[in-house]
């Protein structure tokens, strides 16, 4: 997923527009579409600020702070299946997760998993 434009770029855009550059010139120079420039201008005019918002989507069930615990669990039980990892995770007092969630997390962390029982 693409990242949000930085606050520095947003501020430079408004400085360029205040200096008299047209929206088309700002688009060519900074690479920010005219539609995005209008949305940011509307946000500022309504009393908002230029800071990027939170990205869409759900919060991860296995948080980044818990990734080290999961790495330790996989190191302790390298031959465990996804279901076994889910059960051990819940037994350790963490939030119960599905096998799909465990699979995505292990793939994101590039950790191996056993494919068969």
N, C-alpha and C. Protein backbone atom coordinates (compact mmCIF):
# COMPACT_ATOMS: atom_id res chain seq x y z
N UNK A 1 0.85 -1.17 0.00
CA UNK A 1 0.00 0.00 0.00
C UNK A 1 0.89 1.23 0.00
N UNK A 2 0.56 2.24 -0.81
CA UNK A 2 1.38 3.43 -0.85
C UNK A 2 1.34 4.19 0.47
N UNK A 3 2.42 4.85 0.75
CA UNK A 3 2.51 5.63 1.98
C UNK A 3 1.91 7.02 1.76
N UNK A 4 1.55 7.67 2.86
CA UNK A 4 0.99 9.02 2.79
C UNK A 4 2.10 10.01 2.45
N UNK A 5 1.70 11.11 1.83
CA UNK A 5 2.66 12.17 1.57
C UNK A 5 3.15 12.73 2.89
N UNK A 6 4.44 13.08 2.96
CA UNK A 6 5.01 13.57 4.21
C UNK A 6 4.47 14.97 4.54
N UNK A 7 4.55 15.31 5.81
CA UNK A 7 4.11 16.62 6.26
C UNK A 7 4.98 17.70 5.63
N UNK A 8 6.27 17.42 5.46
CA UNK A 8 7.18 18.38 4.84
C UNK A 8 6.75 18.70 3.41
N UNK A 9 6.39 17.69 2.64
CA UNK A 9 5.94 17.91 1.26
C UNK A 9 4.66 18.73 1.24
N UNK A 10 3.75 18.42 2.15
CA UNK A 10 2.49 19.16 2.21
C UNK A 10 2.74 20.64 2.50
N UNK A 11 3.66 20.90 3.43
CA UNK A 11 3.98 22.29 3.76
C UNK A 11 4.66 23.00 2.60
N UNK A 12 5.58 22.30 1.90
CA UNK A 12 6.23 22.90 0.74
C UNK A 12 5.21 23.22 -0.35
N UNK A 13 4.22 22.35 -0.52
CA UNK A 13 3.17 22.58 -1.50
C UNK A 13 2.43 23.87 -1.21
N UNK A 14 2.05 24.07 0.04
CA UNK A 14 1.31 25.29 0.39
C UNK A 14 2.19 26.53 0.28
N UNK A 15 3.48 26.40 0.60
CA UNK A 15 4.38 27.54 0.42
C UNK A 15 4.49 27.90 -1.06
N UNK A 16 4.56 26.88 -1.92
CA UNK A 16 4.66 27.13 -3.37
C UNK A 16 3.38 27.79 -3.88
N UNK A 17 2.24 27.34 -3.40
CA UNK A 17 0.98 27.94 -3.83
C UNK A 17 0.85 29.37 -3.31
N UNK A 18 1.32 29.61 -2.09
CA UNK A 18 1.29 30.96 -1.53
C UNK A 18 2.24 31.89 -2.29
N UNK A 19 3.31 31.31 -2.86
CA UNK A 19 4.28 32.11 -3.62
C UNK A 19 3.76 32.46 -5.01
N UNK A 20 2.61 31.90 -5.39
CA UNK A 20 1.99 32.27 -6.66
C UNK A 20 2.01 31.20 -7.74
N UNK A 21 2.53 30.02 -7.46
CA UNK A 21 2.51 28.96 -8.47
C UNK A 21 1.10 28.44 -8.64
N UNK A 22 0.75 28.08 -9.85
CA UNK A 22 -0.57 27.52 -10.11
C UNK A 22 -0.59 26.05 -9.67
N UNK A 23 -1.79 25.52 -9.59
CA UNK A 23 -1.93 24.12 -9.19
C UNK A 23 -1.26 23.19 -10.19
N UNK A 24 -1.32 23.52 -11.47
CA UNK A 24 -0.68 22.70 -12.50
C UNK A 24 0.84 22.74 -12.37
N UNK A 25 1.40 23.91 -12.05
CA UNK A 25 2.85 24.01 -11.86
C UNK A 25 3.30 23.24 -10.63
N UNK A 26 2.50 23.32 -9.58
CA UNK A 26 2.83 22.57 -8.36
C UNK A 26 2.77 21.08 -8.64
N UNK A 27 1.79 20.66 -9.45
CA UNK A 27 1.67 19.24 -9.79
C UNK A 27 2.90 18.76 -10.55
N UNK A 28 3.36 19.56 -11.52
CA UNK A 28 4.55 19.18 -12.29
C UNK A 28 5.80 19.18 -11.41
N UNK A 29 5.90 20.15 -10.52
CA UNK A 29 7.09 20.29 -9.69
C UNK A 29 7.17 19.25 -8.58
N UNK A 30 6.08 19.11 -7.83
CA UNK A 30 6.10 18.24 -6.64
C UNK A 30 5.46 16.88 -6.86
N UNK A 31 4.72 16.72 -7.96
CA UNK A 31 4.13 15.42 -8.23
C UNK A 31 2.87 15.12 -7.44
N UNK A 32 2.18 16.15 -6.96
CA UNK A 32 0.94 15.97 -6.21
C UNK A 32 -0.21 16.44 -7.09
N UNK A 33 -1.19 15.58 -7.31
CA UNK A 33 -2.27 15.90 -8.23
C UNK A 33 -3.06 17.13 -7.77
N UNK A 34 -3.72 17.74 -8.74
CA UNK A 34 -4.51 18.93 -8.43
C UNK A 34 -5.68 18.57 -7.52
N UNK A 35 -6.25 17.39 -7.69
CA UNK A 35 -7.37 16.96 -6.84
C UNK A 35 -6.91 16.85 -5.39
N UNK A 36 -5.73 16.28 -5.18
CA UNK A 36 -5.20 16.17 -3.82
C UNK A 36 -4.92 17.55 -3.25
N UNK A 37 -4.42 18.44 -4.07
CA UNK A 37 -4.18 19.81 -3.60
C UNK A 37 -5.49 20.47 -3.15
N UNK A 38 -6.56 20.26 -3.92
CA UNK A 38 -7.87 20.83 -3.54
C UNK A 38 -8.37 20.23 -2.21
N UNK A 39 -8.20 18.90 -2.06
CA UNK A 39 -8.66 18.28 -0.80
C UNK A 39 -7.91 18.83 0.40
N UNK A 40 -6.59 18.99 0.25
CA UNK A 40 -5.80 19.53 1.35
C UNK A 40 -6.19 20.97 1.64
N UNK A 41 -6.44 21.75 0.62
CA UNK A 41 -6.85 23.15 0.81
C UNK A 41 -8.20 23.22 1.50
N UNK A 42 -9.12 22.33 1.12
CA UNK A 42 -10.43 22.29 1.79
C UNK A 42 -10.28 21.91 3.25
N UNK A 43 -9.39 20.96 3.53
CA UNK A 43 -9.17 20.54 4.92
C UNK A 43 -8.64 21.69 5.76
N UNK A 44 -7.67 22.42 5.22
CA UNK A 44 -7.09 23.56 5.95
C UNK A 44 -8.12 24.66 6.13
N UNK A 45 -8.92 24.93 5.09
CA UNK A 45 -9.94 25.98 5.17
C UNK A 45 -10.99 25.64 6.21
N UNK A 46 -11.26 24.35 6.42
CA UNK A 46 -12.25 23.92 7.41
C UNK A 46 -11.67 23.90 8.83
N UNK A 47 -10.43 24.30 8.98
CA UNK A 47 -9.83 24.34 10.31
C UNK A 47 -9.02 23.12 10.65
N UNK A 48 -8.82 22.24 9.69
CA UNK A 48 -8.02 21.03 9.93
C UNK A 48 -6.54 21.32 9.77
N UNK A 49 -5.75 20.28 9.97
CA UNK A 49 -4.31 20.44 9.80
C UNK A 49 -3.83 19.55 8.65
N UNK A 50 -2.56 19.65 8.33
CA UNK A 50 -2.00 18.94 7.18
C UNK A 50 -1.43 17.57 7.52
N UNK A 51 -1.44 17.18 8.77
CA UNK A 51 -0.83 15.90 9.13
C UNK A 51 -1.59 14.75 8.47
N UNK A 52 -0.84 13.76 7.98
CA UNK A 52 -1.49 12.61 7.34
C UNK A 52 -2.37 11.86 8.33
N UNK A 53 -3.46 11.33 7.82
CA UNK A 53 -4.36 10.54 8.66
C UNK A 53 -3.86 9.13 8.86
N UNK A 54 -4.58 8.38 9.65
CA UNK A 54 -4.24 6.98 9.91
C UNK A 54 -4.58 6.16 8.67
N UNK A 55 -3.72 5.21 8.29
CA UNK A 55 -4.02 4.40 7.12
C UNK A 55 -5.26 3.53 7.35
N UNK A 56 -5.99 3.21 6.29
CA UNK A 56 -7.19 2.40 6.46
C UNK A 56 -6.86 0.96 6.82
N UNK A 57 -7.84 0.28 7.32
CA UNK A 57 -7.67 -1.13 7.65
C UNK A 57 -7.76 -1.37 9.14
N UNK A 58 -7.79 -2.65 9.47
CA UNK A 58 -7.90 -3.04 10.87
C UNK A 58 -6.54 -3.02 11.55
N UNK A 59 -6.57 -2.94 12.86
CA UNK A 59 -5.37 -3.05 13.66
C UNK A 59 -4.98 -4.53 13.70
N UNK A 60 -3.71 -4.81 13.60
CA UNK A 60 -3.26 -6.20 13.59
C UNK A 60 -3.58 -6.88 14.92
N UNK A 61 -4.02 -8.13 14.84
CA UNK A 61 -4.34 -8.89 16.05
C UNK A 61 -3.06 -9.22 16.81
N UNK A 62 -2.02 -9.58 16.08
CA UNK A 62 -0.71 -9.81 16.69
C UNK A 62 0.10 -8.54 16.44
N UNK A 63 0.22 -7.73 17.47
CA UNK A 63 0.84 -6.41 17.35
C UNK A 63 2.35 -6.53 17.12
N UNK A 64 2.94 -5.46 16.65
CA UNK A 64 4.38 -5.43 16.40
C UNK A 64 5.17 -5.68 17.68
N UNK A 65 4.64 -5.25 18.82
CA UNK A 65 5.32 -5.44 20.09
C UNK A 65 5.35 -6.92 20.49
N UNK A 66 4.44 -7.73 19.94
CA UNK A 66 4.37 -9.14 20.28
C UNK A 66 5.11 -10.04 19.29
N UNK A 67 5.71 -9.45 18.27
CA UNK A 67 6.38 -10.25 17.25
C UNK A 67 7.56 -11.03 17.80
N UNK A 68 8.29 -10.44 18.76
CA UNK A 68 9.42 -11.16 19.35
C UNK A 68 8.94 -12.40 20.10
N UNK A 69 7.77 -12.30 20.76
CA UNK A 69 7.21 -13.46 21.45
C UNK A 69 6.87 -14.57 20.45
N UNK A 70 6.33 -14.18 19.30
CA UNK A 70 5.99 -15.17 18.28
C UNK A 70 7.26 -15.81 17.70
N UNK A 71 8.29 -15.01 17.50
CA UNK A 71 9.56 -15.57 17.02
C UNK A 71 10.10 -16.60 18.00
N UNK A 72 10.02 -16.29 19.29
CA UNK A 72 10.50 -17.23 20.31
C UNK A 72 9.66 -18.50 20.31
N UNK A 73 8.36 -18.36 20.12
CA UNK A 73 7.47 -19.52 20.08
C UNK A 73 7.82 -20.43 18.90
N UNK A 74 8.06 -19.84 17.74
CA UNK A 74 8.40 -20.63 16.55
C UNK A 74 9.76 -21.29 16.73
N UNK A 75 10.70 -20.58 17.36
CA UNK A 75 12.02 -21.17 17.61
C UNK A 75 11.93 -22.34 18.59
N UNK A 76 11.04 -22.23 19.57
CA UNK A 76 10.88 -23.31 20.55
C UNK A 76 10.16 -24.52 19.97
N UNK A 77 9.26 -24.29 19.03
CA UNK A 77 8.47 -25.37 18.42
C UNK A 77 8.50 -25.24 16.89
N UNK A 78 9.64 -25.52 16.26
CA UNK A 78 9.75 -25.30 14.82
C UNK A 78 8.90 -26.25 13.98
N UNK A 79 8.50 -27.38 14.56
CA UNK A 79 7.72 -28.34 13.78
C UNK A 79 6.22 -28.26 14.05
N UNK A 80 5.78 -27.21 14.72
CA UNK A 80 4.35 -27.07 15.05
C UNK A 80 3.57 -26.62 13.82
N UNK A 81 2.34 -27.08 13.72
CA UNK A 81 1.45 -26.65 12.64
C UNK A 81 0.84 -25.30 13.00
N UNK A 82 0.11 -24.72 12.05
CA UNK A 82 -0.55 -23.43 12.32
C UNK A 82 -1.52 -23.55 13.48
N UNK A 83 -2.30 -24.62 13.49
CA UNK A 83 -3.27 -24.81 14.57
C UNK A 83 -2.57 -24.92 15.92
N UNK A 84 -1.44 -25.60 15.93
CA UNK A 84 -0.68 -25.73 17.19
C UNK A 84 -0.12 -24.38 17.63
N UNK A 85 0.35 -23.59 16.67
CA UNK A 85 0.84 -22.26 17.02
C UNK A 85 -0.29 -21.38 17.55
N UNK A 86 -1.47 -21.49 16.96
CA UNK A 86 -2.62 -20.71 17.44
C UNK A 86 -2.98 -21.10 18.86
N UNK A 87 -2.98 -22.39 19.13
CA UNK A 87 -3.32 -22.87 20.48
C UNK A 87 -2.26 -22.43 21.48
N UNK A 88 -1.00 -22.52 21.13
CA UNK A 88 0.07 -22.10 22.03
C UNK A 88 0.01 -20.59 22.28
N UNK A 89 -0.35 -19.85 21.25
CA UNK A 89 -0.48 -18.39 21.38
C UNK A 89 -1.57 -18.03 22.37
N UNK A 90 -2.72 -18.71 22.25
CA UNK A 90 -3.83 -18.45 23.17
C UNK A 90 -3.49 -18.91 24.59
N UNK A 91 -2.77 -20.02 24.70
CA UNK A 91 -2.37 -20.53 26.02
C UNK A 91 -1.41 -19.58 26.71
N UNK A 92 -0.60 -18.88 25.93
CA UNK A 92 0.36 -17.93 26.49
C UNK A 92 -0.30 -16.65 26.99
N UNK A 93 -1.62 -16.57 26.87
CA UNK A 93 -2.33 -15.40 27.37
C UNK A 93 -2.51 -14.30 26.34
N UNK A 94 -2.23 -14.60 25.11
CA UNK A 94 -2.40 -13.63 24.03
C UNK A 94 -3.80 -13.78 23.45
N UNK A 95 -4.17 -12.87 22.56
CA UNK A 95 -5.49 -12.92 21.92
C UNK A 95 -5.58 -14.15 21.03
N UNK A 96 -6.72 -14.80 21.06
CA UNK A 96 -6.94 -15.96 20.21
C UNK A 96 -6.98 -15.51 18.76
N UNK A 97 -6.24 -16.21 17.91
CA UNK A 97 -6.18 -15.86 16.49
C UNK A 97 -6.52 -17.07 15.64
N UNK A 98 -6.96 -16.81 14.43
CA UNK A 98 -7.28 -17.89 13.50
C UNK A 98 -6.00 -18.38 12.83
N UNK A 99 -6.11 -19.51 12.16
CA UNK A 99 -4.95 -20.03 11.45
C UNK A 99 -4.57 -19.10 10.29
N UNK A 100 -5.55 -18.43 9.69
CA UNK A 100 -5.25 -17.49 8.61
C UNK A 100 -4.43 -16.31 9.13
N UNK A 101 -4.80 -15.80 10.30
CA UNK A 101 -4.06 -14.69 10.89
C UNK A 101 -2.64 -15.13 11.24
N UNK A 102 -2.52 -16.32 11.81
CA UNK A 102 -1.20 -16.84 12.16
C UNK A 102 -0.36 -17.03 10.89
N UNK A 103 -0.97 -17.54 9.84
CA UNK A 103 -0.25 -17.75 8.59
C UNK A 103 0.25 -16.43 8.01
N UNK A 104 -0.61 -15.42 7.98
CA UNK A 104 -0.20 -14.11 7.46
C UNK A 104 0.93 -13.52 8.28
N UNK A 105 0.84 -13.66 9.60
CA UNK A 105 1.87 -13.09 10.47
C UNK A 105 3.20 -13.80 10.28
N UNK A 106 3.17 -15.12 10.20
CA UNK A 106 4.40 -15.87 9.99
C UNK A 106 5.02 -15.54 8.64
N UNK A 107 4.18 -15.37 7.62
CA UNK A 107 4.69 -15.01 6.29
C UNK A 107 5.30 -13.61 6.32
N UNK A 108 4.64 -12.67 7.01
CA UNK A 108 5.15 -11.31 7.08
C UNK A 108 6.50 -11.27 7.80
N UNK A 109 6.66 -12.13 8.82
CA UNK A 109 7.91 -12.18 9.58
C UNK A 109 8.94 -13.11 8.94
N UNK A 110 8.54 -13.73 7.81
CA UNK A 110 9.41 -14.66 7.09
C UNK A 110 9.86 -15.82 7.99
N UNK A 111 8.92 -16.35 8.76
CA UNK A 111 9.18 -17.50 9.63
C UNK A 111 8.65 -18.76 8.98
N UNK A 112 9.33 -19.88 9.10
CA UNK A 112 8.88 -21.12 8.49
C UNK A 112 7.70 -21.72 9.27
N UNK A 113 6.95 -22.54 8.58
CA UNK A 113 5.87 -23.25 9.26
C UNK A 113 5.75 -24.64 8.67
N UNK A 114 5.28 -25.56 9.49
CA UNK A 114 5.11 -26.93 9.05
C UNK A 114 3.86 -27.01 8.19
N UNK A 115 3.96 -27.73 7.09
CA UNK A 115 2.85 -27.78 6.14
C UNK A 115 1.88 -28.93 6.43
N UNK A 116 2.35 -30.02 7.04
CA UNK A 116 1.50 -31.19 7.26
C UNK A 116 1.56 -31.63 8.71
N UNK A 117 0.53 -32.41 9.11
CA UNK A 117 0.50 -32.92 10.48
C UNK A 117 1.49 -34.00 10.70
